[in-house]
Each structure stands twice: as C-alpha cells, then as structure tokens.
C-alpha cells in the first residue's frame, strides 16, 4: 500500500471519528458509549473487516486456582459480536462504504438504537 493511500484512508477514518490504533495492518476503533465498540481492519488489497461488539451484561469476576495451584483472576463477559467483510473496489469512496457497513451492523444489534452518532 502506498504512503499516500494509507494517509488518505487514515484521514477518512479520522473524519468518521475512528481512532487509528495501528498502521500495519491499518486498524481503527470507534466507541459508542460504554457498551458498543466498532473495530475496522483494512489491508492493502482493500479488504475491510468491521466488527461490532455490544456488551450484553455486566462483567463478572472470579478467582480460581489451576490444578498446579496458580491463582488466576477471571473476567467473564457476555457480548454480541457481528462481523461484516467487504473488498473495496477501485474508485469506491471508503467513507461511504464504512458508513454503510456501520448502518448494516447497527440493524442487527438488537436493543441498540440503530444509529451511530
């Protein structure tokens, strides 16, 4: 991927209020309150993987010991995860595709209000 394309994609992600968290591969995250997180992974070929994670219940914590006696602190979460994959075509607007993908994911989250603001 060229530096110019990477910078263009980063600008697009940031304009959509994503926080870029890695450059190779290009990864970004957007949080909606405390219960919803959207992660985007973009590879040089234009493959997009968007994952929406919604926390369904409170995180539970428990302490356990393994068979060898090692103490562990476990955190148990109940989440709903929805994944969308798409390959960006030549000339397509990345911002428009990402916005459309977010809307499609939001339709399937259940109690989420269906909009990303």
PDB file of N, CA and C in Angstrom:
ATOM      1  N   UNK A   1       0.847  -1.155   0.000  1.00  0.00           N
ATOM      2  CA  UNK A   1       0.000   0.000   0.000  1.00  0.00           C
ATOM      3  C   UNK A   1       0.903   1.231   0.000  1.00  0.00           C
ATOM      4  N   UNK A   2       0.561   2.205  -0.803  1.00  0.00           N
ATOM      5  CA  UNK A   2       1.378   3.410  -0.876  1.00  0.00           C
ATOM      6  C   UNK A   2       1.141   4.277   0.360  1.00  0.00           C
ATOM      7  N   UNK A   3       2.135   5.106   0.648  1.00  0.00           N
ATOM      8  CA  UNK A   3       2.003   6.014   1.794  1.00  0.00           C
ATOM      9  C   UNK A   3       0.837   6.983   1.594  1.00  0.00           C
ATOM     10  N   UNK A   4       0.647   7.431   0.361  1.00  0.00           N
ATOM     11  CA  UNK A   4      -0.451   8.356   0.076  1.00  0.00           C
ATOM     12  C   UNK A   4      -1.801   7.695   0.340  1.00  0.00           C
ATOM     13  N   UNK A   5      -1.966   6.451  -0.111  1.00  0.00           N
ATOM     14  CA  UNK A   5      -3.221   5.743   0.115  1.00  0.00           C
ATOM     15  C   UNK A   5      -3.446   5.515   1.605  1.00  0.00           C
ATOM     16  N   UNK A   6      -2.400   5.129   2.311  1.00  0.00           N
ATOM     17  CA  UNK A   6      -2.519   4.931   3.754  1.00  0.00           C
ATOM     18  C   UNK A   6      -2.963   6.219   4.434  1.00  0.00           C
ATOM     19  N   UNK A   7      -2.339   7.333   4.075  1.00  0.00           N
ATOM     20  CA  UNK A   7      -2.708   8.618   4.671  1.00  0.00           C
ATOM     21  C   UNK A   7      -4.141   9.014   4.317  1.00  0.00           C
ATOM     22  N   UNK A   8      -4.557   8.757   3.084  1.00  0.00           N
ATOM     23  CA  UNK A   8      -5.933   9.036   2.671  1.00  0.00           C
ATOM     24  C   UNK A   8      -6.922   8.217   3.503  1.00  0.00           C
ATOM     25  N   UNK A   9      -6.629   6.933   3.684  1.00  0.00           N
ATOM     26  CA  UNK A   9      -7.502   6.072   4.466  1.00  0.00           C
ATOM     27  C   UNK A   9      -7.538   6.521   5.927  1.00  0.00           C
ATOM     28  N   UNK A  10      -6.398   6.910   6.476  1.00  0.00           N
ATOM     29  CA  UNK A  10      -6.349   7.389   7.864  1.00  0.00           C
ATOM     30  C   UNK A  10      -7.188   8.651   8.014  1.00  0.00           C
ATOM     31  N   UNK A  11      -7.058   9.581   7.065  1.00  0.00           N
ATOM     32  CA  UNK A  11      -7.863  10.803   7.110  1.00  0.00           C
ATOM     33  C   UNK A  11      -9.357  10.477   7.055  1.00  0.00           C
ATOM     34  N   UNK A  12      -9.726   9.517   6.207  1.00  0.00           N
ATOM     35  CA  UNK A  12     -11.130   9.117   6.101  1.00  0.00           C
ATOM     36  C   UNK A  12     -11.615   8.531   7.415  1.00  0.00           C
ATOM     37  N   UNK A  13     -10.833   7.617   7.995  1.00  0.00           N
ATOM     38  CA  UNK A  13     -11.219   7.017   9.273  1.00  0.00           C
ATOM     39  C   UNK A  13     -11.376   8.077  10.355  1.00  0.00           C
ATOM     40  N   UNK A  14     -10.430   8.991  10.427  1.00  0.00           N
ATOM     41  CA  UNK A  14     -10.496  10.035  11.449  1.00  0.00           C
ATOM     42  C   UNK A  14     -11.671  10.977  11.220  1.00  0.00           C
ATOM     43  N   UNK A  15     -12.011  11.241   9.949  1.00  0.00           N
ATOM     44  CA  UNK A  15     -13.162  12.103   9.670  1.00  0.00           C
ATOM     45  C   UNK A  15     -14.471  11.442  10.098  1.00  0.00           C
ATOM     46  N   UNK A  16     -14.474  10.106  10.169  1.00  0.00           N
ATOM     47  CA  UNK A  16     -15.645   9.355  10.642  1.00  0.00           C
ATOM     48  C   UNK A  16     -15.568   9.082  12.148  1.00  0.00           C
ATOM     49  N   UNK A  17     -14.635   9.743  12.825  1.00  0.00           N
ATOM     50  CA  UNK A  17     -14.439   9.676  14.272  1.00  0.00           C
ATOM     51  C   UNK A  17     -13.897   8.335  14.765  1.00  0.00           C
ATOM     52  N   UNK A  18     -13.127   7.666  13.923  1.00  0.00           N
ATOM     53  CA  UNK A  18     -12.403   6.471  14.354  1.00  0.00           C
ATOM     54  C   UNK A  18     -11.056   6.898  14.923  1.00  0.00           C
ATOM     55  N   UNK A  19     -10.584   6.161  15.902  1.00  0.00           N
ATOM     56  CA  UNK A  19      -9.231   6.333  16.416  1.00  0.00           C
ATOM     57  C   UNK A  19      -8.360   5.291  15.740  1.00  0.00           C
ATOM     58  N   UNK A  20      -7.333   5.711  15.031  1.00  0.00           N
ATOM     59  CA  UNK A  20      -6.418   4.774  14.379  1.00  0.00           C
ATOM     60  C   UNK A  20      -5.509   4.205  15.465  1.00  0.00           C
ATOM     61  N   UNK A  21      -5.494   2.871  15.583  1.00  0.00           N
ATOM     62  CA  UNK A  21      -4.725   2.237  16.653  1.00  0.00           C
ATOM     63  C   UNK A  21      -3.524   1.457  16.142  1.00  0.00           C
ATOM     64  N   UNK A  22      -3.457   1.218  14.832  1.00  0.00           N
ATOM     65  CA  UNK A  22      -2.288   0.561  14.233  1.00  0.00           C
ATOM     66  C   UNK A  22      -2.261   0.904  12.750  1.00  0.00           C
ATOM     67  N   UNK A  23      -1.047   0.930  12.187  1.00  0.00           N
ATOM     68  CA  UNK A  23      -0.915   1.278  10.769  1.00  0.00           C
ATOM     69  C   UNK A  23      -0.668   0.082   9.878  1.00  0.00           C
ATOM     70  N   UNK A  24      -0.067  -0.982  10.375  1.00  0.00           N
ATOM     71  CA  UNK A  24       0.202  -2.151   9.521  1.00  0.00           C
ATOM     72  C   UNK A  24      -0.130  -3.422  10.259  1.00  0.00           C
ATOM     73  N   UNK A  25      -1.251  -4.038  10.006  1.00  0.00           N
ATOM     74  CA  UNK A  25      -2.306  -3.564   9.109  1.00  0.00           C
ATOM     75  C   UNK A  25      -3.049  -2.385   9.739  1.00  0.00           C
ATOM     76  N   UNK A  26      -3.730  -1.632   8.914  1.00  0.00           N
ATOM     77  CA  UNK A  26      -4.445  -0.446   9.360  1.00  0.00           C
ATOM     78  C   UNK A  26      -5.650  -0.874  10.198  1.00  0.00           C
ATOM     79  N   UNK A  27      -5.646  -0.449  11.465  1.00  0.00           N
ATOM     80  CA  UNK A  27      -6.733  -0.789  12.385  1.00  0.00           C
ATOM     81  C   UNK A  27      -7.242   0.469  13.054  1.00  0.00           C
ATOM     82  N   UNK A  28      -8.571   0.532  13.220  1.00  0.00           N
ATOM     83  CA  UNK A  28      -9.182   1.692  13.856  1.00  0.00           C
ATOM     84  C   UNK A  28     -10.346   1.237  14.727  1.00  0.00           C
ATOM     85  N   UNK A  29     -10.698   2.096  15.684  1.00  0.00           N
ATOM     86  CA  UNK A  29     -11.755   1.765  16.635  1.00  0.00           C
ATOM     87  C   UNK A  29     -12.605   2.998  16.910  1.00  0.00           C
ATOM     88  N   UNK A  30     -13.910   2.744  17.073  1.00  0.00           N
ATOM     89  CA  UNK A  30     -14.854   3.790  17.464  1.00  0.00           C
ATOM     90  C   UNK A  30     -15.725   3.210  18.575  1.00  0.00           C
ATOM     91  N   UNK A  31     -15.897   3.993  19.640  1.00  0.00           N
ATOM     92  CA  UNK A  31     -16.726   3.548  20.755  1.00  0.00           C
ATOM     93  C   UNK A  31     -17.996   4.375  20.808  1.00  0.00           C
ATOM     94  N   UNK A  32     -19.110   3.695  21.078  1.00  0.00           N
ATOM     95  CA  UNK A  32     -20.410   4.339  21.241  1.00  0.00           C
ATOM     96  C   UNK A  32     -20.849   4.073  22.667  1.00  0.00           C
ATOM     97  N   UNK A  33     -20.585   5.022  23.547  1.00  0.00           N
ATOM     98  CA  UNK A  33     -20.895   4.802  24.950  1.00  0.00           C
ATOM     99  C   UNK A  33     -19.984   3.728  25.518  1.00  0.00           C
ATOM    100  N   UNK A  34     -20.462   3.076  26.552  1.00  0.00           N
ATOM    101  CA  UNK A  34     -19.644   2.056  27.203  1.00  0.00           C
ATOM    102  C   UNK A  34     -19.975   0.653  26.744  1.00  0.00           C
ATOM    103  N   UNK A  35     -21.022   0.496  25.942  1.00  0.00           N
ATOM    104  CA  UNK A  35     -21.473  -0.853  25.583  1.00  0.00           C
ATOM    105  C   UNK A  35     -21.167  -1.279  24.158  1.00  0.00           C
ATOM    106  N   UNK A  36     -20.856  -0.346  23.257  1.00  0.00           N
ATOM    107  CA  UNK A  36     -20.683  -0.674  21.847  1.00  0.00           C
ATOM    108  C   UNK A  36     -19.331  -0.211  21.327  1.00  0.00           C
ATOM    109  N   UNK A  37     -18.646  -1.132  20.623  1.00  0.00           N
ATOM    110  CA  UNK A  37     -17.346  -0.824  20.035  1.00  0.00           C
ATOM    111  C   UNK A  37     -17.346  -1.336  18.597  1.00  0.00           C
ATOM    112  N   UNK A  38     -16.878  -0.486  17.668  1.00  0.00           N
ATOM    113  CA  UNK A  38     -16.710  -0.901  16.274  1.00  0.00           C
ATOM    114  C   UNK A  38     -15.221  -0.902  15.971  1.00  0.00           C
ATOM    115  N   UNK A  39     -14.709  -2.038  15.508  1.00  0.00           N
ATOM    116  CA  UNK A  39     -13.311  -2.162  15.086  1.00  0.00           C
ATOM    117  C   UNK A  39     -13.282  -2.365  13.581  1.00  0.00           C
ATOM    118  N   UNK A  40     -12.343  -1.680  12.924  1.00  0.00           N
ATOM    119  CA  UNK A  40     -12.164  -1.807  11.477  1.00  0.00           C
ATOM    120  C   UNK A  40     -10.730  -2.219  11.199  1.00  0.00           C
ATOM    121  N   UNK A  41     -10.585  -3.205  10.323  1.00  0.00           N
ATOM    122  CA  UNK A  41      -9.278  -3.663   9.854  1.00  0.00           C
ATOM    123  C   UNK A  41      -9.271  -3.513   8.340  1.00  0.00           C
ATOM    124  N   UNK A  42      -8.282  -2.784   7.808  1.00  0.00           N
ATOM    125  CA  UNK A  42      -8.138  -2.564   6.360  1.00  0.00           C
ATOM    126  C   UNK A  42      -6.791  -3.101   5.923  1.00  0.00           C
ATOM    127  N   UNK A  43      -6.780  -4.005   4.953  1.00  0.00           N
ATOM    128  CA  UNK A  43      -5.489  -4.476   4.453  1.00  0.00           C
ATOM    129  C   UNK A  43      -5.172  -3.797   3.126  1.00  0.00           C
ATOM    130  N   UNK A  44      -3.937  -3.912   2.668  1.00  0.00           N
ATOM    131  CA  UNK A  44      -3.520  -3.197   1.449  1.00  0.00           C
ATOM    132  C   UNK A  44      -4.341  -3.533   0.207  1.00  0.00           C
ATOM    133  N   UNK A  45      -4.976  -4.705   0.173  1.00  0.00           N
ATOM    134  CA  UNK A  45      -5.764  -5.074  -1.007  1.00  0.00           C
ATOM    135  C   UNK A  45      -7.137  -4.415  -1.019  1.00  0.00           C
ATOM    136  N   UNK A  46      -7.489  -3.735   0.083  1.00  0.00           N
ATOM    137  CA  UNK A  46      -8.802  -3.121   0.163  1.00  0.00           C
ATOM    138  C   UNK A  46      -9.817  -3.973   0.898  1.00  0.00           C
ATOM    139  N   UNK A  47      -9.378  -5.080   1.456  1.00  0.00           N
ATOM    140  CA  UNK A  47     -10.279  -5.923   2.233  1.00  0.00           C
ATOM    141  C   UNK A  47     -10.601  -5.210   3.541  1.00  0.00           C
ATOM    142  N   UNK A  48     -11.897  -5.076   3.841  1.00  0.00           N
ATOM    143  CA  UNK A  48     -12.360  -4.416   5.061  1.00  0.00           C
ATOM    144  C   UNK A  48     -13.040  -5.461   5.933  1.00  0.00           C
ATOM    145  N   UNK A  49     -12.676  -5.473   7.202  1.00  0.00           N
ATOM    146  CA  UNK A  49     -13.350  -6.316   8.188  1.00  0.00           C
ATOM    147  C   UNK A  49     -13.816  -5.395   9.298  1.00  0.00           C
ATOM    148  N   UNK A  50     -15.125  -5.283   9.463  1.00  0.00           N
ATOM    149  CA  UNK A  50     -15.697  -4.442  10.508  1.00  0.00           C
ATOM    150  C   UNK A  50     -16.374  -5.342  11.527  1.00  0.00           C
ATOM    151  N   UNK A  51     -16.058  -5.112  12.791  1.00  0.00           N
ATOM    152  CA  UNK A  51     -16.612  -5.913  13.875  1.00  0.00           C
ATOM    153  C   UNK A  51     -17.282  -4.999  14.878  1.00  0.00           C
ATOM    154  N   UNK A  52     -18.542  -5.276  15.156  1.00  0.00           N
ATOM    155  CA  UNK A  52     -19.280  -4.551  16.180  1.00  0.00           C
ATOM    156  C   UNK A  52     -19.437  -5.473  17.381  1.00  0.00           C
ATOM    157  N   UNK A  53     -19.036  -4.986  18.551  1.00  0.00           N
ATOM    158  CA  UNK A  53     -19.180  -5.753  19.781  1.00  0.00           C
ATOM    159  C   UNK A  53     -20.069  -4.968  20.732  1.00  0.00           C
ATOM    160  N   UNK A  54     -21.119  -5.612  21.202  1.00  0.00           N
ATOM    161  CA  UNK A  54     -22.036  -5.000  22.164  1.00  0.00           C
ATOM    162  C   UNK A  54     -22.018  -5.827  23.434  1.00  0.00           C
ATOM    163  N   UNK A  55     -21.750  -5.158  24.545  1.00  0.00           N
ATOM    164  CA  UNK A  55     -21.763  -5.842  25.832  1.00  0.00           C
ATOM    165  C   UNK A  55     -23.213  -6.017  26.262  1.00  0.00           C
ATOM    166  N   UNK A  56     -23.595  -7.260  26.598  1.00  0.00           N
ATOM    167  CA  UNK A  56     -24.979  -7.559  26.941  1.00  0.00           C
ATOM    168  C   UNK A  56     -25.230  -7.564  28.450  1.00  0.00           C
ATOM    169  N   UNK A  57     -24.201  -7.768  29.224  1.00  0.00           N
ATOM    170  CA  UNK A  57     -24.370  -7.818  30.675  1.00  0.00           C
ATOM    171  C   UNK A  57     -23.125  -7.305  31.361  1.00  0.00           C
ATOM    172  N   UNK A  58     -23.211  -7.223  32.670  1.00  0.00           N
ATOM    173  CA  UNK A  58     -22.074  -6.745  33.446  1.00  0.00           C
ATOM    174  C   UNK A  58     -20.962  -7.785  33.451  1.00  0.00           C
ATOM    175  N   UNK A  59     -19.725  -7.302  33.489  1.00  0.00           N
ATOM    176  CA  UNK A  59     -18.576  -8.195  33.571  1.00  0.00           C
ATOM    177  C   UNK A  59     -18.547  -8.811  34.961  1.00  0.00           C
ATOM    178  N   UNK A  60     -18.384 -10.123  35.003  1.00  0.00           N
ATOM    179  CA  UNK A  60     -18.293 -10.838  36.272  1.00  0.00           C
ATOM    180  C   UNK A  60     -16.850 -11.241  36.502  1.00  0.00           C
ATOM    181  N   UNK A  61     -16.469 -11.265  37.755  1.00  0.00           N
ATOM    182  CA  UNK A  61     -15.103 -11.585  38.116  1.00  0.00           C
ATOM    183  C   UNK A  61     -15.104 -12.737  39.101  1.00  0.00           C
ATOM    184  N   UNK A  62     -14.139 -13.632  38.946  1.00  0.00           N
ATOM    185  CA  UNK A  62     -13.983 -14.709  39.921  1.00  0.00           C
ATOM    186  C   UNK A  62     -12.526 -15.129  40.000  1.00  0.00           C
ATOM    187  N   UNK A  63     -12.165 -15.616  41.160  1.00  0.00           N
ATOM    188  CA  UNK A  63     -10.800 -16.089  41.375  1.00  0.00           C
ATOM    189  C   UNK A  63     -10.818 -17.608  41.355  1.00  0.00           C
ATOM    190  N   UNK A  64      -9.826 -18.181  40.662  1.00  0.00           N
ATOM    191  CA  UNK A  64      -9.698 -19.644  40.568  1.00  0.00           C
ATOM    192  C   UNK A  64      -8.249 -20.028  40.714  1.00  0.00           C
ATOM    193  N   UNK A  65      -8.064 -21.265  41.141  1.00  0.00           N
ATOM    194  CA  UNK A  65      -6.714 -21.828  41.170  1.00  0.00           C
ATOM    195  C   UNK A  65      -6.663 -22.959  40.165  1.00  0.00           C
ATOM    196  N   UNK A  66      -5.556 -23.018  39.436  1.00  0.00           N
ATOM    197  CA  UNK A  66      -5.371 -24.087  38.465  1.00  0.00           C
ATOM    198  C   UNK A  66      -4.998 -25.372  39.212  1.00  0.00           C
ATOM    199  N   UNK A  67      -4.903 -26.441  38.465  1.00  0.00           N
ATOM    200  CA  UNK A  67      -4.516 -27.735  39.064  1.00  0.00           C
ATOM    201  C   UNK A  67      -3.128 -27.663  39.701  1.00  0.00           C
ATOM    202  N   UNK A  68      -2.291 -26.768  39.211  1.00  0.00           N
ATOM    203  CA  UNK A  68      -0.944 -26.628  39.771  1.00  0.00           C
ATOM    204  C   UNK A  68      -0.908 -25.647  40.939  1.00  0.00           C
ATOM    205  N   UNK A  69      -2.056 -25.050  41.271  1.00  0.00           N
ATOM    206  CA  UNK A  69      -2.127 -24.138  42.400  1.00  0.00           C
ATOM    207  C   UNK A  69      -1.929 -22.676  42.060  1.00  0.00           C
ATOM    208  N   UNK A  70      -1.770 -22.358  40.777  1.00  0.00           N
ATOM    209  CA  UNK A  70      -1.606 -20.961  40.390  1.00  0.00           C
ATOM    210  C   UNK A  70      -2.940 -20.220  40.499  1.00  0.00           C
ATOM    211  N   UNK A  71      -2.927 -19.080  41.159  1.00  0.00           N
ATOM    212  CA  UNK A  71      -4.181 -18.311  41.267  1.00  0.00           C
ATOM    213  C   UNK A  71      -4.402 -17.459  40.023  1.00  0.00           C
ATOM    214  N   UNK A  72      -5.619 -17.450  39.525  1.00  0.00           N
ATOM    215  CA  UNK A  72      -5.986 -16.645  38.368  1.00  0.00           C
ATOM    216  C   UNK A  72      -7.195 -15.793  38.705  1.00  0.00           C
ATOM    217  N   UNK A  73      -7.231 -14.618  38.127  1.00  0.00           N
ATOM    218  CA  UNK A  73      -8.407 -13.762  38.195  1.00  0.00           C
ATOM    219  C   UNK A  73      -9.075 -13.856  36.825  1.00  0.00           C
ATOM    220  N   UNK A  74     -10.312 -14.321  36.776  1.00  0.00           N
ATOM    221  CA  UNK A  74     -11.040 -14.460  35.519  1.00  0.00           C
ATOM    222  C   UNK A  74     -12.092 -13.360  35.413  1.00  0.00           C
ATOM    223  N   UNK A  75     -12.258 -12.862  34.204  1.00  0.00           N
ATOM    224  CA  UNK A  75     -13.298 -11.887  33.915  1.00  0.00           C
ATOM    225  C   UNK A  75     -14.188 -12.499  32.843  1.00  0.00           C
ATOM    226  N   UNK A  76     -15.470 -12.589  33.130  1.00  0.00           N
ATOM    227  CA  UNK A  76     -16.410 -13.240  32.227  1.00  0.00           C
ATOM    228  C   UNK A  76     -17.362 -12.176  31.686  1.00  0.00           C
ATOM    229  N   UNK A  77     -17.432 -12.097  30.347  1.00  0.00           N
ATOM    230  CA  UNK A  77     -18.303 -11.129  29.698  1.00  0.00           C
ATOM    231  C   UNK A  77     -19.297 -11.839  28.794  1.00  0.00           C
ATOM    232  N   UNK A  78     -20.438 -11.202  28.624  1.00  0.00           N
ATOM    233  CA  UNK A  78     -21.432 -11.664  27.673  1.00  0.00           C
ATOM    234  C   UNK A  78     -21.536 -10.581  26.601  1.00  0.00           C
ATOM    235  N   UNK A  79     -21.143 -10.933  25.388  1.00  0.00           N
ATOM    236  CA  UNK A  79     -21.121  -9.974  24.287  1.00  0.00           C
ATOM    237  C   UNK A  79     -21.833 -10.535  23.070  1.00  0.00           C
ATOM    238  N   UNK A  80     -22.349  -9.632  22.274  1.00  0.00           N
ATOM    239  CA  UNK A  80     -22.853  -9.979  20.951  1.00  0.00           C
ATOM    240  C   UNK A  80     -21.860  -9.394  19.963  1.00  0.00           C
ATOM    241  N   UNK A  81     -21.403 -10.203  19.022  1.00  0.00           N
ATOM    242  CA  UNK A  81     -20.415  -9.769  18.043  1.00  0.00           C
ATOM    243  C   UNK A  81     -20.990  -9.980  16.641  1.00  0.00           C
ATOM    244  N   UNK A  82     -20.898  -8.931  15.831  1.00  0.00           N
ATOM    245  CA  UNK A  82     -21.354  -9.010  14.444  1.00  0.00           C
ATOM    246  C   UNK A  82     -20.191  -8.566  13.564  1.00  0.00           C
ATOM    247  N   UNK A  83     -19.917  -9.347  12.522  1.00  0.00           N
ATOM    248  CA  UNK A  83     -18.774  -9.079  11.645  1.00  0.00           C
ATOM    249  C   UNK A  83     -19.266  -8.898  10.214  1.00  0.00           C
ATOM    250  N   UNK A  84     -18.737  -7.872   9.551  1.00  0.00           N
ATOM    251  CA  UNK A  84     -19.029  -7.651   8.128  1.00  0.00           C
ATOM    252  C   UNK A  84     -17.702  -7.584   7.382  1.00  0.00           C
ATOM    253  N   UNK A  85     -17.624  -8.258   6.249  1.00  0.00           N
ATOM    254  CA  UNK A  85     -16.447  -8.235   5.387  1.00  0.00           C
ATOM    255  C   UNK A  85     -16.832  -7.654   4.036  1.00  0.00           C
ATOM    256  N   UNK A  86     -15.917  -6.888   3.454  1.00  0.00           N
ATOM    257  CA  UNK A  86     -16.151  -6.310   2.134  1.00  0.00           C
ATOM    258  C   UNK A  86     -14.811  -5.990   1.493  1.00  0.00           C
ATOM    259  N   UNK A  87     -14.706  -6.175   0.191  1.00  0.00           N
ATOM    260  CA  UNK A  87     -13.500  -5.781  -0.536  1.00  0.00           C
ATOM    261  C   UNK A  87     -13.799  -4.500  -1.300  1.00  0.00           C
ATOM    262  N   UNK A  88     -13.057  -3.450  -0.983  1.00  0.00           N
ATOM    263  CA  UNK A  88     -13.206  -2.152  -1.619  1.00  0.00           C
ATOM    264  C   UNK A  88     -12.829  -2.257  -3.095  1.00  0.00           C
ATOM    265  N   UNK A  89     -13.686  -1.738  -3.955  1.00  0.00           N
ATOM    266  CA  UNK A  89     -13.419  -1.754  -5.393  1.00  0.00           C
ATOM    267  C   UNK A  89     -12.727  -0.463  -5.809  1.00  0.00           C
ATOM    268  N   UNK A  90     -12.017  -0.519  -6.937  1.00  0.00           N
ATOM    269  CA  UNK A  90     -11.343   0.678  -7.449  1.00  0.00           C
ATOM    270  C   UNK A  90     -12.344   1.810  -7.605  1.00  0.00           C
ATOM    271  N   UNK A  91     -11.981   2.979  -7.115  1.00  0.00           N
ATOM    272  CA  UNK A  91     -12.819   4.158  -7.274  1.00  0.00           C
ATOM    273  C   UNK A  91     -13.908   4.320  -6.228  1.00  0.00           C
ATOM    274  N   UNK A  92     -14.112   3.323  -5.367  1.00  0.00           N
ATOM    275  CA  UNK A  92     -15.147   3.449  -4.345  1.00  0.00           C
ATOM    276  C   UNK A  92     -14.686   4.385  -3.232  1.00  0.00           C
ATOM    277  N   UNK A  93     -15.642   5.084  -2.660  1.00  0.00           N
ATOM    278  CA  UNK A  93     -15.375   6.007  -1.566  1.00  0.00           C
ATOM    279  C   UNK A  93     -15.353   5.223  -0.249  1.00  0.00           C
ATOM    280  N   UNK A  94     -14.183   5.190   0.395  1.00  0.00           N
ATOM    281  CA  UNK A  94     -14.031   4.434   1.641  1.00  0.00           C
ATOM    282  C   UNK A  94     -14.993   4.931   2.713  1.00  0.00           C
ATOM    283  N   UNK A  95     -15.147   6.227   2.843  1.00  0.00           N
ATOM    284  CA  UNK A  95     -16.041   6.779   3.852  1.00  0.00           C
ATOM    285  C   UNK A  95     -17.477   6.328   3.672  1.00  0.00           C
ATOM    286  N   UNK A  96     -17.948   6.329   2.433  1.00  0.00           N
ATOM    287  CA  UNK A  96     -19.323   5.898   2.148  1.00  0.00           C
ATOM    288  C   UNK A  96     -19.501   4.421   2.464  1.00  0.00           C
ATOM    289  N   UNK A  97     -18.499   3.608   2.123  1.00  0.00           N
ATOM    290  CA  UNK A  97     -18.579   2.164   2.384  1.00  0.00           C
ATOM    291  C   UNK A  97     -18.593   1.905   3.892  1.00  0.00           C
ATOM    292  N   UNK A  98     -17.708   2.560   4.640  1.00  0.00           N
ATOM    293  CA  UNK A  98     -17.666   2.351   6.091  1.00  0.00           C
ATOM    294  C   UNK A  98     -18.967   2.790   6.756  1.00  0.00           C
ATOM    295  N   UNK A  99     -19.518   3.920   6.335  1.00  0.00           N
ATOM    296  CA  UNK A  99     -20.785   4.395   6.900  1.00  0.00           C
ATOM    297  C   UNK A  99     -21.911   3.407   6.627  1.00  0.00           C
ATOM    298  N   UNK A 100     -21.941   2.878   5.410  1.00  0.00           N
ATOM    299  CA  UNK A 100     -22.965   1.892   5.052  1.00  0.00           C
ATOM    300  C   UNK A 100     -22.792   0.613   5.870  1.00  0.00           C
ATOM    301  N   UNK A 101     -21.552   0.172   6.049  1.00  0.00           N
ATOM    302  CA  UNK A 101     -21.299  -1.039   6.841  1.00  0.00           C
ATOM    303  C   UNK A 101     -21.756  -0.844   8.284  1.00  0.00           C
ATOM    304  N   UNK A 102     -21.485   0.325   8.859  1.00  0.00           N
ATOM    305  CA  UNK A 102     -21.929   0.605  10.230  1.00  0.00           C
ATOM    306  C   UNK A 102     -23.440   0.504  10.344  1.00  0.00           C
ATOM    307  N   UNK A 103     -24.142   1.059   9.373  1.00  0.00           N
ATOM    308  CA  UNK A 103     -25.608   1.014   9.391  1.00  0.00           C
ATOM    309  C   UNK A 103     -26.116  -0.423   9.306  1.00  0.00           C
ATOM    310  N   UNK A 104     -25.495  -1.226   8.464  1.00  0.00           N
ATOM    311  CA  UNK A 104     -25.906  -2.629   8.338  1.00  0.00           C
ATOM    312  C   UNK A 104     -25.675  -3.391   9.643  1.00  0.00           C
ATOM    313  N   UNK A 105     -24.538  -3.132  10.296  1.00  0.00           N
ATOM    314  CA  UNK A 105     -24.265  -3.787  11.574  1.00  0.00           C
ATOM    315  C   UNK A 105     -25.263  -3.336  12.637  1.00  0.00           C
ATOM    316  N   UNK A 106     -25.557  -2.040  12.655  1.00  0.00           N
ATOM    317  CA  UNK A 106     -26.469  -1.493  13.663  1.00  0.00           C
ATOM    318  C   UNK A 106     -27.859  -2.118  13.575  1.00  0.00           C
ATOM    319  N   UNK A 107     -28.281  -2.497  12.387  1.00  0.00           N
ATOM    320  CA  UNK A 107     -29.598  -3.118  12.210  1.00  0.00           C
ATOM    321  C   UNK A 107     -29.700  -4.450  12.940  1.00  0.00           C
ATOM    322  N   UNK A 108     -28.564  -5.080  13.219  1.00  0.00           N
ATOM    323  CA  UNK A 108     -28.560  -6.429  13.770  1.00  0.00           C
ATOM    324  C   UNK A 108     -28.114  -6.505  15.222  1.00  0.00           C
ATOM    325  N   UNK A 109     -28.057  -5.393  15.911  1.00  0.00           N
ATOM    326  CA  UNK A 109     -27.536  -5.401  17.263  1.00  0.00           C
ATOM    327  C   UNK A 109     -28.633  -5.637  18.307  1.00  0.00           C
ATOM    328  N   UNK A 110     -29.857  -5.615  17.945  1.00  0.00           N
ATOM    329  CA  UNK A 110     -30.910  -5.872  18.921  1.00  0.00           C
ATOM    330  C   UNK A 110     -31.377  -4.598  19.581  1.00  0.00           C
ATOM    331  N   UNK A 111     -31.033  -4.416  20.842  1.00  0.00           N
ATOM    332  CA  UNK A 111     -31.544  -3.289  21.596  1.00  0.00           C
ATOM    333  C   UNK A 111     -30.814  -1.989  21.317  1.00  0.00           C
ATOM    334  N   UNK A 112     -29.743  -2.040  20.554  1.00  0.00           N
ATOM    335  CA  UNK A 112     -29.037  -0.816  20.190  1.00  0.00           C
ATOM    336  C   UNK A 112     -29.975   0.040  19.348  1.00  0.00           C
ATOM    337  N   UNK A 113     -29.851   1.361  19.431  1.00  0.00           N
ATOM    338  CA  UNK A 113     -30.833   2.240  18.799  1.00  0.00           C
ATOM    339  C   UNK A 113     -30.723   2.330  17.276  1.00  0.00           C
ATOM    340  N   UNK A 114     -29.733   1.665  16.671  1.00  0.00           N
ATOM    341  CA  UNK A 114     -29.651   1.617  15.221  1.00  0.00           C
ATOM    342  C   UNK A 114     -28.971   2.792  14.562  1.00  0.00           C
ATOM    343  N   UNK A 115     -28.440   3.721  15.351  1.00  0.00           N
ATOM    344  CA  UNK A 115     -27.720   4.837  14.757  1.00  0.00           C
ATOM    345  C   UNK A 115     -26.361   4.983  15.429  1.00  0.00           C
ATOM    346  N   UNK A 116     -25.407   5.445  14.671  1.00  0.00           N
ATOM    347  CA  UNK A 116     -24.086   5.728  15.191  1.00  0.00           C
ATOM    348  C   UNK A 116     -23.867   7.220  15.053  1.00  0.00           C
ATOM    349  N   UNK A 117     -23.780   7.911  16.145  1.00  0.00           N
ATOM    350  CA  UNK A 117     -23.589   9.370  16.108  1.00  0.00           C
ATOM    351  C   UNK A 117     -22.269   9.737  16.713  1.00  0.00           C
TER     352      UNK A 117
END
